[in-house]
Amino acid sequence: MTQDFILFPKIGECSYVSCYCEENVWKLCEQVKKNNPGELPKCYSVFVSNAGRTVPLWRQKAGRGDDKVVIWDYHVFFMHCVGPNRCLVYDLDTTLPFPTYFHKYVTETFRSDLALRPEHH
């Protein structure tokens, strides 16, 4: 990951409030705007929810059990595209590394609809 442009080198330097993922992502966006405004076109706030407002996410700090699963009504994370097909996810609520490549994040945070109850699709 050293060859990619890292926006937030240390998770401890980021503003964080538990259970306020949207506020945390807003603060990350503010930090990019202030320190690296040229990177803003490559940054995204990603909002995840469903019709039932019951989204299971694995590998979350607030999660339970070995898989650290939690069910949120929604979740927001920050994404920075660093090259063609190369995006980094910055999620202050995950137990995964900060940042994590998109493919690893999606694979370990979400499960296929085939493995979920219909209300969680």
PDB file of N, CA and C in Angstrom:
ATOM      1  N   MET A   1       0.824  -1.198   0.000  1.00  0.00           N
ATOM      2  CA  MET A   1       0.000   0.000   0.000  1.00  0.00           C
ATOM      3  C   MET A   1       0.864   1.256   0.000  1.00  0.00           C
ATOM      4  N   THR A   2       2.140   1.116   0.159  1.00  0.00           N
ATOM      5  CA  THR A   2       3.015   2.277   0.258  1.00  0.00           C
ATOM      6  C   THR A   2       3.076   3.097  -1.023  1.00  0.00           C
ATOM      7  N   GLN A   3       2.817   2.498  -2.190  1.00  0.00           N
ATOM      8  CA  GLN A   3       2.882   3.242  -3.425  1.00  0.00           C
ATOM      9  C   GLN A   3       1.639   4.107  -3.645  1.00  0.00           C
ATOM     10  N   ASP A   4       0.570   3.862  -2.922  1.00  0.00           N
ATOM     11  CA  ASP A   4      -0.656   4.642  -3.069  1.00  0.00           C
ATOM     12  C   ASP A   4      -0.610   5.891  -2.199  1.00  0.00           C
ATOM     13  N   PHE A   5      -1.318   6.912  -2.635  1.00  0.00           N
ATOM     14  CA  PHE A   5      -1.407   8.165  -1.894  1.00  0.00           C
ATOM     15  C   PHE A   5      -2.330   7.966  -0.697  1.00  0.00           C
ATOM     16  N   ILE A   6      -1.786   8.055   0.490  1.00  0.00           N
ATOM     17  CA  ILE A   6      -2.554   7.836   1.714  1.00  0.00           C
ATOM     18  C   ILE A   6      -2.982   9.195   2.268  1.00  0.00           C
ATOM     19  N   LEU A   7      -4.293   9.422   2.379  1.00  0.00           N
ATOM     20  CA  LEU A   7      -4.807  10.712   2.859  1.00  0.00           C
ATOM     21  C   LEU A   7      -4.684  10.876   4.370  1.00  0.00           C
ATOM     22  N   PHE A   8      -4.942   9.815   5.106  1.00  0.00           N
ATOM     23  CA  PHE A   8      -4.978   9.882   6.566  1.00  0.00           C
ATOM     24  C   PHE A   8      -4.041   8.805   7.106  1.00  0.00           C
ATOM     25  N   PRO A   9      -2.786   9.142   7.352  1.00  0.00           N
ATOM     26  CA  PRO A   9      -1.830   8.103   7.725  1.00  0.00           C
ATOM     27  C   PRO A   9      -2.122   7.410   9.052  1.00  0.00           C
ATOM     28  N   LYS A  10      -2.747   8.080   9.995  1.00  0.00           N
ATOM     29  CA  LYS A  10      -3.005   7.464  11.294  1.00  0.00           C
ATOM     30  C   LYS A  10      -4.467   7.632  11.674  1.00  0.00           C
ATOM     31  N   ILE A  11      -5.098   6.531  12.060  1.00  0.00           N
ATOM     32  CA  ILE A  11      -6.509   6.579  12.461  1.00  0.00           C
ATOM     33  C   ILE A  11      -6.701   7.481  13.682  1.00  0.00           C
ATOM     34  N   GLY A  12      -5.705   7.511  14.561  1.00  0.00           N
ATOM     35  CA  GLY A  12      -5.788   8.325  15.767  1.00  0.00           C
ATOM     36  C   GLY A  12      -5.805   9.818  15.513  1.00  0.00           C
ATOM     37  N   GLU A  13      -5.435  10.229  14.308  1.00  0.00           N
ATOM     38  CA  GLU A  13      -5.445  11.649  13.963  1.00  0.00           C
ATOM     39  C   GLU A  13      -6.790  12.093  13.388  1.00  0.00           C
ATOM     40  N   CYS A  14      -7.709  11.170  13.224  1.00  0.00           N
ATOM     41  CA  CYS A  14      -9.018  11.475  12.642  1.00  0.00           C
ATOM     42  C   CYS A  14     -10.036  11.748  13.743  1.00  0.00           C
ATOM     43  N   SER A  15     -10.933  12.672  13.457  1.00  0.00           N
ATOM     44  CA  SER A  15     -12.041  12.952  14.366  1.00  0.00           C
ATOM     45  C   SER A  15     -12.990  11.750  14.356  1.00  0.00           C
ATOM     46  N   TYR A  16     -13.394  11.286  15.545  1.00  0.00           N
ATOM     47  CA  TYR A  16     -14.252  10.106  15.622  1.00  0.00           C
ATOM     48  C   TYR A  16     -15.236  10.221  16.771  1.00  0.00           C
ATOM     49  N   VAL A  17     -16.502   9.943  16.454  1.00  0.00           N
ATOM     50  CA  VAL A  17     -17.548   9.836  17.460  1.00  0.00           C
ATOM     51  C   VAL A  17     -18.283   8.529  17.197  1.00  0.00           C
ATOM     52  N   SER A  18     -18.340   7.653  18.182  1.00  0.00           N
ATOM     53  CA  SER A  18     -19.003   6.365  18.049  1.00  0.00           C
ATOM     54  C   SER A  18     -20.470   6.552  17.669  1.00  0.00           C
ATOM     55  N   CYS A  19     -20.942   5.731  16.738  1.00  0.00           N
ATOM     56  CA  CYS A  19     -22.346   5.699  16.280  1.00  0.00           C
ATOM     57  C   CYS A  19     -22.743   6.907  15.422  1.00  0.00           C
ATOM     58  N   TYR A  20     -21.776   7.675  14.954  1.00  0.00           N
ATOM     59  CA  TYR A  20     -22.059   8.820  14.079  1.00  0.00           C
ATOM     60  C   TYR A  20     -21.172   8.745  12.843  1.00  0.00           C
ATOM     61  N   CYS A  21     -21.314   7.654  12.085  1.00  0.00           N
ATOM     62  CA  CYS A  21     -20.457   7.426  10.923  1.00  0.00           C
ATOM     63  C   CYS A  21     -20.553   8.557   9.911  1.00  0.00           C
ATOM     64  N   GLU A  22     -21.745   9.123   9.720  1.00  0.00           N
ATOM     65  CA  GLU A  22     -21.895  10.196   8.739  1.00  0.00           C
ATOM     66  C   GLU A  22     -21.119  11.437   9.158  1.00  0.00           C
ATOM     67  N   GLU A  23     -21.105  11.739  10.435  1.00  0.00           N
ATOM     68  CA  GLU A  23     -20.332  12.874  10.952  1.00  0.00           C
ATOM     69  C   GLU A  23     -18.834  12.599  10.813  1.00  0.00           C
ATOM     70  N   ASN A  24     -18.427  11.383  11.091  1.00  0.00           N
ATOM     71  CA  ASN A  24     -17.024  11.013  10.958  1.00  0.00           C
ATOM     72  C   ASN A  24     -16.553  11.166   9.510  1.00  0.00           C
ATOM     73  N   VAL A  25     -17.369  10.744   8.562  1.00  0.00           N
ATOM     74  CA  VAL A  25     -17.012  10.869   7.148  1.00  0.00           C
ATOM     75  C   VAL A  25     -17.004  12.337   6.741  1.00  0.00           C
ATOM     76  N   TRP A  26     -17.936  13.116   7.243  1.00  0.00           N
ATOM     77  CA  TRP A  26     -17.951  14.563   6.965  1.00  0.00           C
ATOM     78  C   TRP A  26     -16.622  15.189   7.405  1.00  0.00           C
ATOM     79  N   LYS A  27     -16.145  14.798   8.573  1.00  0.00           N
ATOM     80  CA  LYS A  27     -14.875  15.329   9.095  1.00  0.00           C
ATOM     81  C   LYS A  27     -13.700  14.893   8.221  1.00  0.00           C
ATOM     82  N   LEU A  28     -13.734  13.660   7.706  1.00  0.00           N
ATOM     83  CA  LEU A  28     -12.684  13.214   6.791  1.00  0.00           C
ATOM     84  C   LEU A  28     -12.698  14.064   5.519  1.00  0.00           C
ATOM     85  N   CYS A  29     -13.896  14.339   5.008  1.00  0.00           N
ATOM     86  CA  CYS A  29     -14.016  15.182   3.814  1.00  0.00           C
ATOM     87  C   CYS A  29     -13.462  16.582   4.077  1.00  0.00           C
ATOM     88  N   GLU A  30     -13.775  17.136   5.228  1.00  0.00           N
ATOM     89  CA  GLU A  30     -13.244  18.456   5.597  1.00  0.00           C
ATOM     90  C   GLU A  30     -11.725  18.444   5.648  1.00  0.00           C
ATOM     91  N   GLN A  31     -11.163  17.368   6.174  1.00  0.00           N
ATOM     92  CA  GLN A  31      -9.716  17.260   6.284  1.00  0.00           C
ATOM     93  C   GLN A  31      -9.061  17.207   4.901  1.00  0.00           C
ATOM     94  N   VAL A  32      -9.667  16.485   3.960  1.00  0.00           N
ATOM     95  CA  VAL A  32      -9.145  16.439   2.596  1.00  0.00           C
ATOM     96  C   VAL A  32      -9.255  17.817   1.962  1.00  0.00           C
ATOM     97  N   LYS A  33     -10.387  18.461   2.131  1.00  0.00           N
ATOM     98  CA  LYS A  33     -10.590  19.794   1.549  1.00  0.00           C
ATOM     99  C   LYS A  33      -9.531  20.769   2.054  1.00  0.00           C
ATOM    100  N   LYS A  34      -9.192  20.658   3.308  1.00  0.00           N
ATOM    101  CA  LYS A  34      -8.215  21.572   3.915  1.00  0.00           C
ATOM    102  C   LYS A  34      -6.778  21.220   3.515  1.00  0.00           C
ATOM    103  N   ASN A  35      -6.419  19.936   3.557  1.00  0.00           N
ATOM    104  CA  ASN A  35      -5.024  19.528   3.392  1.00  0.00           C
ATOM    105  C   ASN A  35      -4.646  19.031   1.996  1.00  0.00           C
ATOM    106  N   ASN A  36      -5.597  18.473   1.252  1.00  0.00           N
ATOM    107  CA  ASN A  36      -5.319  17.898  -0.072  1.00  0.00           C
ATOM    108  C   ASN A  36      -6.475  18.164  -1.033  1.00  0.00           C
ATOM    109  N   PRO A  37      -6.828  19.433  -1.282  1.00  0.00           N
ATOM    110  CA  PRO A  37      -8.022  19.722  -2.090  1.00  0.00           C
ATOM    111  C   PRO A  37      -7.979  19.128  -3.501  1.00  0.00           C
ATOM    112  N   GLY A  38      -6.805  18.893  -4.039  1.00  0.00           N
ATOM    113  CA  GLY A  38      -6.696  18.301  -5.370  1.00  0.00           C
ATOM    114  C   GLY A  38      -7.173  16.862  -5.426  1.00  0.00           C
ATOM    115  N   GLU A  39      -7.282  16.213  -4.268  1.00  0.00           N
ATOM    116  CA  GLU A  39      -7.730  14.818  -4.206  1.00  0.00           C
ATOM    117  C   GLU A  39      -9.252  14.698  -4.100  1.00  0.00           C
ATOM    118  N   LEU A  40      -9.954  15.794  -3.830  1.00  0.00           N
ATOM    119  CA  LEU A  40     -11.409  15.728  -3.645  1.00  0.00           C
ATOM    120  C   LEU A  40     -12.171  15.066  -4.795  1.00  0.00           C
ATOM    121  N   PRO A  41     -11.806  15.314  -6.050  1.00  0.00           N
ATOM    122  CA  PRO A  41     -12.546  14.639  -7.131  1.00  0.00           C
ATOM    123  C   PRO A  41     -12.413  13.117  -7.109  1.00  0.00           C
ATOM    124  N   LYS A  42     -11.462  12.591  -6.363  1.00  0.00           N
ATOM    125  CA  LYS A  42     -11.238  11.151  -6.280  1.00  0.00           C
ATOM    126  C   LYS A  42     -11.841  10.555  -5.003  1.00  0.00           C
ATOM    127  N   CYS A  43     -12.546  11.383  -4.234  1.00  0.00           N
ATOM    128  CA  CYS A  43     -13.084  10.953  -2.934  1.00  0.00           C
ATOM    129  C   CYS A  43     -14.599  10.807  -2.987  1.00  0.00           C
ATOM    130  N   TYR A  44     -15.094   9.835  -2.226  1.00  0.00           N
ATOM    131  CA  TYR A  44     -16.529   9.547  -2.204  1.00  0.00           C
ATOM    132  C   TYR A  44     -16.983   9.245  -0.789  1.00  0.00           C
ATOM    133  N   SER A  45     -18.170   9.710  -0.458  1.00  0.00           N
ATOM    134  CA  SER A  45     -18.861   9.288   0.754  1.00  0.00           C
ATOM    135  C   SER A  45     -19.856   8.227   0.314  1.00  0.00           C
ATOM    136  N   VAL A  46     -19.742   7.042   0.870  1.00  0.00           N
ATOM    137  CA  VAL A  46     -20.573   5.921   0.439  1.00  0.00           C
ATOM    138  C   VAL A  46     -21.601   5.622   1.532  1.00  0.00           C
ATOM    139  N   PHE A  47     -22.872   5.697   1.166  1.00  0.00           N
ATOM    140  CA  PHE A  47     -23.989   5.464   2.074  1.00  0.00           C
ATOM    141  C   PHE A  47     -24.575   4.097   1.763  1.00  0.00           C
ATOM    142  N   VAL A  48     -24.681   3.238   2.778  1.00  0.00           N
ATOM    143  CA  VAL A  48     -25.193   1.880   2.606  1.00  0.00           C
ATOM    144  C   VAL A  48     -26.435   1.703   3.484  1.00  0.00           C
ATOM    145  N   SER A  49     -27.535   1.273   2.868  1.00  0.00           N
ATOM    146  CA  SER A  49     -28.751   0.968   3.617  1.00  0.00           C
ATOM    147  C   SER A  49     -29.596   0.033   2.763  1.00  0.00           C
ATOM    148  N   ASN A  50     -30.786  -0.250   3.229  1.00  0.00           N
ATOM    149  CA  ASN A  50     -31.734  -1.042   2.453  1.00  0.00           C
ATOM    150  C   ASN A  50     -33.146  -0.631   2.849  1.00  0.00           C
ATOM    151  N   ALA A  51     -34.130  -1.189   2.182  1.00  0.00           N
ATOM    152  CA  ALA A  51     -35.522  -0.789   2.428  1.00  0.00           C
ATOM    153  C   ALA A  51     -35.951  -1.035   3.874  1.00  0.00           C
ATOM    154  N   GLY A  52     -35.449  -2.100   4.475  1.00  0.00           N
ATOM    155  CA  GLY A  52     -35.820  -2.424   5.846  1.00  0.00           C
ATOM    156  C   GLY A  52     -34.980  -1.719   6.901  1.00  0.00           C
ATOM    157  N   ARG A  53     -33.989  -0.973   6.449  1.00  0.00           N
ATOM    158  CA  ARG A  53     -33.069  -0.258   7.345  1.00  0.00           C
ATOM    159  C   ARG A  53     -32.440  -1.217   8.361  1.00  0.00           C
ATOM    160  N   THR A  54     -32.022  -2.386   7.864  1.00  0.00           N
ATOM    161  CA  THR A  54     -31.339  -3.393   8.683  1.00  0.00           C
ATOM    162  C   THR A  54     -30.181  -3.955   7.871  1.00  0.00           C
ATOM    163  N   VAL A  55     -29.033  -3.342   8.014  1.00  0.00           N
ATOM    164  CA  VAL A  55     -27.859  -3.716   7.227  1.00  0.00           C
ATOM    165  C   VAL A  55     -26.840  -4.413   8.128  1.00  0.00           C
ATOM    166  N   PRO A  56     -26.631  -5.710   7.921  1.00  0.00           N
ATOM    167  CA  PRO A  56     -25.596  -6.386   8.700  1.00  0.00           C
ATOM    168  C   PRO A  56     -24.211  -6.090   8.127  1.00  0.00           C
ATOM    169  N   LEU A  57     -23.288  -5.756   9.021  1.00  0.00           N
ATOM    170  CA  LEU A  57     -21.906  -5.505   8.637  1.00  0.00           C
ATOM    171  C   LEU A  57     -21.001  -6.322   9.547  1.00  0.00           C
ATOM    172  N   TRP A  58     -20.009  -6.940   8.940  1.00  0.00           N
ATOM    173  CA  TRP A  58     -19.049  -7.739   9.695  1.00  0.00           C
ATOM    174  C   TRP A  58     -17.789  -6.923   9.914  1.00  0.00           C
ATOM    175  N   ARG A  59     -16.984  -7.371  10.866  1.00  0.00           N
ATOM    176  CA  ARG A  59     -15.698  -6.749  11.190  1.00  0.00           C
ATOM    177  C   ARG A  59     -15.873  -5.299  11.675  1.00  0.00           C
ATOM    178  N   GLN A  60     -16.888  -5.082  12.496  1.00  0.00           N
ATOM    179  CA  GLN A  60     -17.159  -3.756  13.042  1.00  0.00           C
ATOM    180  C   GLN A  60     -16.802  -3.701  14.523  1.00  0.00           C
ATOM    181  N   LYS A  61     -16.251  -2.588  14.958  1.00  0.00           N
ATOM    182  CA  LYS A  61     -15.855  -2.414  16.359  1.00  0.00           C
ATOM    183  C   LYS A  61     -17.031  -2.638  17.308  1.00  0.00           C
ATOM    184  N   ALA A  62     -18.220  -2.236  16.892  1.00  0.00           N
ATOM    185  CA  ALA A  62     -19.404  -2.382  17.739  1.00  0.00           C
ATOM    186  C   ALA A  62     -20.030  -3.772  17.622  1.00  0.00           C
ATOM    187  N   GLY A  63     -19.447  -4.621  16.783  1.00  0.00           N
ATOM    188  CA  GLY A  63     -20.003  -5.940  16.527  1.00  0.00           C
ATOM    189  C   GLY A  63     -19.795  -6.922  17.659  1.00  0.00           C
ATOM    190  N   ARG A  64     -20.515  -8.028  17.557  1.00  0.00           N
ATOM    191  CA  ARG A  64     -20.454  -9.079  18.570  1.00  0.00           C
ATOM    192  C   ARG A  64     -19.966 -10.383  17.936  1.00  0.00           C
ATOM    193  N   GLY A  65     -19.481 -11.247  18.768  1.00  0.00           N
ATOM    194  CA  GLY A  65     -19.041 -12.562  18.313  1.00  0.00           C
ATOM    195  C   GLY A  65     -17.700 -12.504  17.606  1.00  0.00           C
ATOM    196  N   ASP A  66     -17.277 -13.679  17.148  1.00  0.00           N
ATOM    197  CA  ASP A  66     -15.981 -13.790  16.472  1.00  0.00           C
ATOM    198  C   ASP A  66     -15.929 -12.975  15.181  1.00  0.00           C
ATOM    199  N   ASP A  67     -17.062 -12.885  14.485  1.00  0.00           N
ATOM    200  CA  ASP A  67     -17.113 -12.149  13.216  1.00  0.00           C
ATOM    201  C   ASP A  67     -17.316 -10.647  13.394  1.00  0.00           C
ATOM    202  N   LYS A  68     -17.561 -10.230  14.635  1.00  0.00           N
ATOM    203  CA  LYS A  68     -17.787  -8.806  14.942  1.00  0.00           C
ATOM    204  C   LYS A  68     -18.900  -8.220  14.060  1.00  0.00           C
ATOM    205  N   VAL A  69     -20.037  -8.944  14.005  1.00  0.00           N
ATOM    206  CA  VAL A  69     -21.164  -8.511  13.182  1.00  0.00           C
ATOM    207  C   VAL A  69     -22.083  -7.590  13.989  1.00  0.00           C
ATOM    208  N   VAL A  70     -22.595  -6.587  13.305  1.00  0.00           N
ATOM    209  CA  VAL A  70     -23.544  -5.649  13.891  1.00  0.00           C
ATOM    210  C   VAL A  70     -24.582  -5.330  12.813  1.00  0.00           C
ATOM    211  N   ILE A  71     -25.794  -4.985  13.226  1.00  0.00           N
ATOM    212  CA  ILE A  71     -26.822  -4.585  12.271  1.00  0.00           C
ATOM    213  C   ILE A  71     -27.117  -3.109  12.511  1.00  0.00           C
ATOM    214  N   TRP A  72     -26.822  -2.311  11.493  1.00  0.00           N
ATOM    215  CA  TRP A  72     -27.087  -0.872  11.548  1.00  0.00           C
ATOM    216  C   TRP A  72     -28.286  -0.552  10.656  1.00  0.00           C
ATOM    217  N   ASP A  73     -28.918   0.586  10.893  1.00  0.00           N
ATOM    218  CA  ASP A  73     -29.956   1.046   9.976  1.00  0.00           C
ATOM    219  C   ASP A  73     -29.310   1.584   8.691  1.00  0.00           C
ATOM    220  N   TYR A  74     -28.091   2.081   8.812  1.00  0.00           N
ATOM    221  CA  TYR A  74     -27.302   2.501   7.662  1.00  0.00           C
ATOM    222  C   TYR A  74     -25.852   2.608   8.110  1.00  0.00           C
ATOM    223  N   HIS A  75     -24.973   2.724   7.152  1.00  0.00           N
ATOM    224  CA  HIS A  75     -23.567   2.950   7.459  1.00  0.00           C
ATOM    225  C   HIS A  75     -22.967   3.824   6.366  1.00  0.00           C
ATOM    226  N   VAL A  76     -22.009   4.650   6.742  1.00  0.00           N
ATOM    227  CA  VAL A  76     -21.329   5.539   5.803  1.00  0.00           C
ATOM    228  C   VAL A  76     -19.829   5.324   5.963  1.00  0.00           C
ATOM    229  N   PHE A  77     -19.140   5.204   4.825  1.00  0.00           N
ATOM    230  CA  PHE A  77     -17.683   5.144   4.866  1.00  0.00           C
ATOM    231  C   PHE A  77     -17.110   6.037   3.782  1.00  0.00           C
ATOM    232  N   PHE A  78     -15.841   6.324   3.873  1.00  0.00           N
ATOM    233  CA  PHE A  78     -15.127   7.215   2.974  1.00  0.00           C
ATOM    234  C   PHE A  78     -14.285   6.378   2.018  1.00  0.00           C
ATOM    235  N   MET A  79     -14.271   6.765   0.746  1.00  0.00           N
ATOM    236  CA  MET A  79     -13.504   6.022  -0.235  1.00  0.00           C
ATOM    237  C   MET A  79     -12.664   6.986  -1.065  1.00  0.00           C
ATOM    238  N   HIS A  80     -11.423   6.603  -1.318  1.00  0.00           N
ATOM    239  CA  HIS A  80     -10.496   7.405  -2.116  1.00  0.00           C
ATOM    240  C   HIS A  80      -9.964   6.543  -3.248  1.00  0.00           C
ATOM    241  N   CYS A  81     -10.229   6.954  -4.473  1.00  0.00           N
ATOM    242  CA  CYS A  81      -9.751   6.208  -5.636  1.00  0.00           C
ATOM    243  C   CYS A  81      -8.354   6.706  -5.990  1.00  0.00           C
ATOM    244  N   VAL A  82      -7.389   5.810  -5.899  1.00  0.00           N
ATOM    245  CA  VAL A  82      -5.985   6.182  -6.060  1.00  0.00           C
ATOM    246  C   VAL A  82      -5.425   5.798  -7.428  1.00  0.00           C
ATOM    247  N   GLY A  83      -6.213   5.160  -8.244  1.00  0.00           N
ATOM    248  CA  GLY A  83      -5.785   4.769  -9.581  1.00  0.00           C
ATOM    249  C   GLY A  83      -6.861   3.942 -10.228  1.00  0.00           C
ATOM    250  N   PRO A  84      -6.623   3.543 -11.469  1.00  0.00           N
ATOM    251  CA  PRO A  84      -7.624   2.709 -12.151  1.00  0.00           C
ATOM    252  C   PRO A  84      -7.878   1.415 -11.357  1.00  0.00           C
ATOM    253  N   ASN A  85      -9.109   1.199 -11.001  1.00  0.00           N
ATOM    254  CA  ASN A  85      -9.518   0.002 -10.252  1.00  0.00           C
ATOM    255  C   ASN A  85      -8.792  -0.153  -8.918  1.00  0.00           C
ATOM    256  N   ARG A  86      -8.376   0.946  -8.308  1.00  0.00           N
ATOM    257  CA  ARG A  86      -7.674   0.904  -7.025  1.00  0.00           C
ATOM    258  C   ARG A  86      -8.277   1.970  -6.110  1.00  0.00           C
ATOM    259  N   CYS A  87      -9.073   1.517  -5.174  1.00  0.00           N
ATOM    260  CA  CYS A  87      -9.693   2.423  -4.215  1.00  0.00           C
ATOM    261  C   CYS A  87      -9.385   1.972  -2.799  1.00  0.00           C
ATOM    262  N   LEU A  88      -9.215   2.941  -1.929  1.00  0.00           N
ATOM    263  CA  LEU A  88      -8.984   2.680  -0.517  1.00  0.00           C
ATOM    264  C   LEU A  88     -10.216   3.090   0.267  1.00  0.00           C
ATOM    265  N   VAL A  89     -10.597   2.257   1.222  1.00  0.00           N
ATOM    266  CA  VAL A  89     -11.731   2.560   2.094  1.00  0.00           C
ATOM    267  C   VAL A  89     -11.188   2.979   3.447  1.00  0.00           C
ATOM    268  N   TYR A  90     -11.720   4.092   3.934  1.00  0.00           N
ATOM    269  CA  TYR A  90     -11.414   4.592   5.265  1.00  0.00           C
ATOM    270  C   TYR A  90     -12.698   4.492   6.079  1.00  0.00           C
ATOM    271  N   ASP A  91     -12.762   3.510   6.945  1.00  0.00           N
ATOM    272  CA  ASP A  91     -13.931   3.287   7.789  1.00  0.00           C
ATOM    273  C   ASP A  91     -13.441   3.298   9.234  1.00  0.00           C
ATOM    274  N   LEU A  92     -13.856   4.296   9.974  1.00  0.00           N
ATOM    275  CA  LEU A  92     -13.405   4.445  11.357  1.00  0.00           C
ATOM    276  C   LEU A  92     -14.079   3.449  12.292  1.00  0.00           C
ATOM    277  N   ASP A  93     -15.080   2.711  11.792  1.00  0.00           N
ATOM    278  CA  ASP A  93     -15.802   1.742  12.622  1.00  0.00           C
ATOM    279  C   ASP A  93     -15.371   0.300  12.386  1.00  0.00           C
ATOM    280  N   THR A  94     -14.516   0.056  11.438  1.00  0.00           N
ATOM    281  CA  THR A  94     -14.120  -1.311  11.118  1.00  0.00           C
ATOM    282  C   THR A  94     -12.947  -1.778  11.978  1.00  0.00           C
ATOM    283  N   THR A  95     -12.823  -3.094  12.068  1.00  0.00           N
ATOM    284  CA  THR A  95     -11.647  -3.676  12.725  1.00  0.00           C
ATOM    285  C   THR A  95     -10.562  -3.996  11.689  1.00  0.00           C
ATOM    286  N   LEU A  96     -10.865  -3.767  10.419  1.00  0.00           N
ATOM    287  CA  LEU A  96      -9.893  -3.957   9.346  1.00  0.00           C
ATOM    288  C   LEU A  96      -8.858  -2.834   9.394  1.00  0.00           C
ATOM    289  N   PRO A  97      -7.731  -3.001   8.698  1.00  0.00           N
ATOM    290  CA  PRO A  97      -6.717  -1.947   8.675  1.00  0.00           C
ATOM    291  C   PRO A  97      -7.279  -0.626   8.131  1.00  0.00           C
ATOM    292  N   PHE A  98      -6.646   0.448   8.488  1.00  0.00           N
ATOM    293  CA  PHE A  98      -7.051   1.801   8.078  1.00  0.00           C
ATOM    294  C   PHE A  98      -5.907   2.419   7.289  1.00  0.00           C
ATOM    295  N   PRO A  99      -6.047   2.552   5.955  1.00  0.00           N
ATOM    296  CA  PRO A  99      -7.174   2.169   5.108  1.00  0.00           C
ATOM    297  C   PRO A  99      -7.097   0.701   4.692  1.00  0.00           C
ATOM    298  N   THR A 100      -8.144   0.268   4.011  1.00  0.00           N
ATOM    299  CA  THR A 100      -8.228  -1.084   3.459  1.00  0.00           C
ATOM    300  C   THR A 100      -8.605  -0.960   1.988  1.00  0.00           C
ATOM    301  N   TYR A 101      -7.996  -1.785   1.151  1.00  0.00           N
ATOM    302  CA  TYR A 101      -8.394  -1.785  -0.257  1.00  0.00           C
ATOM    303  C   TYR A 101      -9.861  -2.182  -0.373  1.00  0.00           C
ATOM    304  N   PHE A 102     -10.543  -1.579  -1.347  1.00  0.00           N
ATOM    305  CA  PHE A 102     -11.978  -1.757  -1.535  1.00  0.00           C
ATOM    306  C   PHE A 102     -12.383  -3.224  -1.598  1.00  0.00           C
ATOM    307  N   HIS A 103     -11.693  -4.015  -2.394  1.00  0.00           N
ATOM    308  CA  HIS A 103     -12.080  -5.420  -2.553  1.00  0.00           C
ATOM    309  C   HIS A 103     -12.041  -6.157  -1.215  1.00  0.00           C
ATOM    310  N   LYS A 104     -10.997  -5.971  -0.451  1.00  0.00           N
ATOM    311  CA  LYS A 104     -10.886  -6.618   0.857  1.00  0.00           C
ATOM    312  C   LYS A 104     -11.991  -6.115   1.790  1.00  0.00           C
ATOM    313  N   TYR A 105     -12.233  -4.807   1.777  1.00  0.00           N
ATOM    314  CA  TYR A 105     -13.269  -4.226   2.641  1.00  0.00           C
ATOM    315  C   TYR A 105     -14.641  -4.819   2.328  1.00  0.00           C
ATOM    316  N   VAL A 106     -15.010  -4.832   1.062  1.00  0.00           N
ATOM    317  CA  VAL A 106     -16.334  -5.335   0.664  1.00  0.00           C
ATOM    318  C   VAL A 106     -16.457  -6.819   0.975  1.00  0.00           C
ATOM    319  N   THR A 107     -15.418  -7.576   0.700  1.00  0.00           N
ATOM    320  CA  THR A 107     -15.436  -9.018   0.934  1.00  0.00           C
ATOM    321  C   THR A 107     -15.598  -9.357   2.412  1.00  0.00           C
ATOM    322  N   GLU A 108     -14.962  -8.588   3.282  1.00  0.00           N
ATOM    323  CA  GLU A 108     -14.987  -8.908   4.705  1.00  0.00           C
ATOM    324  C   GLU A 108     -16.074  -8.176   5.482  1.00  0.00           C
ATOM    325  N   THR A 109     -16.642  -7.124   4.918  1.00  0.00           N
ATOM    326  CA  THR A 109     -17.656  -6.338   5.622  1.00  0.00           C
ATOM    327  C   THR A 109     -19.077  -6.750   5.255  1.00  0.00           C
ATOM    328  N   PHE A 110     -19.290  -7.168   4.026  1.00  0.00           N
ATOM    329  CA  PHE A 110     -20.619  -7.523   3.534  1.00  0.00           C
ATOM    330  C   PHE A 110     -20.657  -8.996   3.151  1.00  0.00           C
ATOM    331  N   ARG A 111     -21.847  -9.552   3.111  1.00  0.00           N
ATOM    332  CA  ARG A 111     -22.046 -10.932   2.676  1.00  0.00           C
ATOM    333  C   ARG A 111     -23.012 -10.926   1.500  1.00  0.00           C
ATOM    334  N   SER A 112     -22.935 -11.952   0.704  1.00  0.00           N
ATOM    335  CA  SER A 112     -23.820 -12.095  -0.439  1.00  0.00           C
ATOM    336  C   SER A 112     -25.271 -12.191   0.037  1.00  0.00           C
ATOM    337  N   ASP A 113     -26.186 -11.679  -0.775  1.00  0.00           N
ATOM    338  CA  ASP A 113     -27.604 -11.808  -0.452  1.00  0.00           C
ATOM    339  C   ASP A 113     -28.007 -13.271  -0.293  1.00  0.00           C
ATOM    340  N   LEU A 114     -27.282 -14.192  -0.953  1.00  0.00           N
ATOM    341  CA  LEU A 114     -27.590 -15.605  -0.835  1.00  0.00           C
ATOM    342  C   LEU A 114     -27.379 -16.111   0.594  1.00  0.00           C
ATOM    343  N   ALA A 115     -26.507 -15.444   1.353  1.00  0.00           N
ATOM    344  CA  ALA A 115     -26.205 -15.875   2.734  1.00  0.00           C
ATOM    345  C   ALA A 115     -26.988 -15.086   3.772  1.00  0.00           C
ATOM    346  N   LEU A 116     -27.808 -14.138   3.328  1.00  0.00           N
ATOM    347  CA  LEU A 116     -28.540 -13.274   4.262  1.00  0.00           C
ATOM    348  C   LEU A 116     -30.035 -13.574   4.258  1.00  0.00           C
ATOM    349  N   ARG A 117     -30.670 -13.278   5.360  1.00  0.00           N
ATOM    350  CA  ARG A 117     -32.124 -13.332   5.385  1.00  0.00           C
ATOM    351  C   ARG A 117     -32.673 -12.233   4.467  1.00  0.00           C
ATOM    352  N   PRO A 118     -33.821 -12.447   3.834  1.00  0.00           N
ATOM    353  CA  PRO A 118     -34.355 -11.484   2.877  1.00  0.00           C
ATOM    354  C   PRO A 118     -34.496 -10.063   3.436  1.00  0.00           C
ATOM    355  N   GLU A 119     -34.804  -9.909   4.703  1.00  0.00           N
ATOM    356  CA  GLU A 119     -34.956  -8.551   5.251  1.00  0.00           C
ATOM    357  C   GLU A 119     -33.642  -7.773   5.295  1.00  0.00           C
ATOM    358  N   HIS A 120     -32.529  -8.471   5.109  1.00  0.00           N
ATOM    359  CA  HIS A 120     -31.225  -7.804   5.123  1.00  0.00           C
ATOM    360  C   HIS A 120     -30.661  -7.534   3.729  1.00  0.00           C
ATOM    361  N   HIS A 121     -31.418  -7.902   2.688  1.00  0.00           N
ATOM    362  CA  HIS A 121     -30.940  -7.664   1.320  1.00  0.00           C
ATOM    363  C   HIS A 121     -30.907  -6.171   1.049  1.00  0.00           C
TER     364      HIS A 121
END
